[in-house]
């Protein structure tokens, strides 16, 4: 009785068919939880904002003013948000809250 060897391309296709659902299941577990943007308001503490939406992409200190710029993904959009703080690191102004382009674009 002669055994037949599987063609390498066929073996590769079968391997991909087996791995594709596993990769999809893994990516579903990594979906981001929407951030609570209600904390980005005048009077909010800097630590509260950072706890809710993460570390700022950049921080500038000019003349005693601190301006944090946050970039993060919210659903399929990238959000840019800049917050200015006064004394005691309390938000005095939300300078921008721009939803950027869709991630797919």
Protein backbone atom coordinates (compact mmCIF):
# COMPACT_ATOMS: atom_id res chain seq x y z
CA UNK A 1 0.00 0.00 0.00
CA UNK A 2 1.40 3.35 -1.07
CA UNK A 3 0.88 6.50 1.03
CA UNK A 4 0.43 9.79 -0.75
CA UNK A 5 2.19 12.91 0.41
CA UNK A 6 0.24 16.13 0.62
CA UNK A 7 1.27 18.91 -1.75
CA UNK A 8 2.93 21.82 0.17
CA UNK A 9 0.39 24.36 -1.14
CA UNK A 10 -2.49 22.20 0.04
CA UNK A 11 -0.86 21.86 3.42
CA UNK A 12 -0.43 25.64 3.64
CA UNK A 13 -4.09 26.27 2.74
CA UNK A 14 -5.28 23.80 5.37
CA UNK A 15 -3.02 25.40 7.96
CA UNK A 16 -4.38 28.87 7.16
CA UNK A 17 -7.97 27.63 7.31
CA UNK A 18 -7.25 26.24 10.76
CA UNK A 19 -5.41 29.32 12.08
CA UNK A 20 -7.69 32.05 10.69
CA UNK A 21 -10.55 31.52 13.19
CA UNK A 22 -8.06 31.37 16.07
CA UNK A 23 -6.55 34.69 15.03
CA UNK A 24 -10.03 36.25 14.80
CA UNK A 25 -10.94 35.06 18.29
CA UNK A 26 -7.70 36.53 19.64
CA UNK A 27 -8.34 39.91 18.04
CA UNK A 28 -11.88 40.06 19.43
CA UNK A 29 -10.48 39.92 22.93
CA UNK A 30 -8.23 42.90 22.23
CA UNK A 31 -10.96 45.33 21.17
CA UNK A 32 -10.70 48.62 22.99
CA UNK A 33 -13.27 49.62 25.55
CA UNK A 34 -14.73 53.07 24.72
CA UNK A 35 -13.24 55.80 26.88
CA UNK A 36 -15.40 57.91 29.16
CA UNK A 37 -15.01 61.40 27.68
CA UNK A 38 -17.32 63.00 30.25
CA UNK A 39 -14.26 63.59 32.46
CA UNK A 40 -12.78 65.97 29.87
CA UNK A 41 -14.38 69.12 31.22
CA UNK A 42 -13.50 72.36 32.95
CA UNK A 43 -12.74 71.75 36.63
CA UNK A 44 -11.55 68.15 36.22
CA UNK A 45 -8.29 67.15 37.85
CA UNK A 46 -5.45 66.23 35.50
CA UNK A 47 -5.01 62.86 37.26
CA UNK A 48 -8.73 62.09 36.71
CA UNK A 49 -8.47 62.81 32.98
CA UNK A 50 -5.31 60.71 32.60
CA UNK A 51 -6.90 57.83 34.53
CA UNK A 52 -9.94 57.90 32.23
CA UNK A 53 -8.33 58.30 28.80
CA UNK A 54 -4.67 57.39 29.27
CA UNK A 55 -1.32 59.14 29.15
CA UNK A 56 -1.08 62.26 26.97
CA UNK A 57 0.76 62.02 23.65
CA UNK A 58 2.53 65.28 24.55
CA UNK A 59 2.71 67.80 27.40
CA UNK A 60 3.80 71.42 27.05
CA UNK A 61 4.54 73.77 29.94
CA UNK A 62 4.55 77.49 29.06
CA UNK A 63 4.40 80.32 31.56
CA UNK A 64 2.96 78.16 34.33
CA UNK A 65 0.31 76.66 32.05
CA UNK A 66 0.28 72.95 31.29
CA UNK A 67 -1.31 71.74 28.04
CA UNK A 68 -1.76 67.99 27.51
CA UNK A 69 -2.57 66.65 24.06
CA UNK A 70 -4.22 63.23 23.95
CA UNK A 71 -4.54 60.99 20.89
CA UNK A 72 -6.59 57.82 21.15
CA UNK A 73 -8.86 55.54 19.22
CA UNK A 74 -12.59 55.70 19.98
CA UNK A 75 -14.41 53.11 17.93
CA UNK A 76 -13.26 53.60 14.35
CA UNK A 77 -12.09 57.18 14.82
CA UNK A 78 -8.91 58.70 16.18
CA UNK A 79 -9.65 61.49 18.67
CA UNK A 80 -7.34 64.45 19.36
CA UNK A 81 -8.01 66.32 22.56
CA UNK A 82 -5.99 69.16 24.12
CA UNK A 83 -6.61 70.24 27.72
CA UNK A 84 -5.14 73.31 29.46
CA UNK A 85 -4.60 73.25 33.23
CA UNK A 86 -4.21 76.07 35.72
CA UNK A 87 -3.15 76.01 39.36
CA UNK A 88 -3.40 72.64 41.07
CA UNK A 89 -3.52 70.84 37.73
CA UNK A 90 -7.25 71.48 37.34
CA UNK A 91 -8.56 71.74 33.78
CA UNK A 92 -9.36 75.31 32.84
CA UNK A 93 -10.07 74.81 29.14
CA UNK A 94 -10.71 71.97 26.73
CA UNK A 95 -8.95 73.46 23.74
CA UNK A 96 -9.92 70.91 21.11
CA UNK A 97 -11.89 67.71 20.82
CA UNK A 98 -11.48 66.73 17.19
CA UNK A 99 -12.59 63.37 15.88
CA UNK A 100 -10.03 62.49 13.27
CA UNK A 101 -10.46 60.45 10.14
CA UNK A 102 -11.82 56.96 10.22
CA UNK A 103 -9.14 54.35 10.88
CA UNK A 104 -10.03 52.61 7.61
CA UNK A 105 -9.33 55.71 5.53
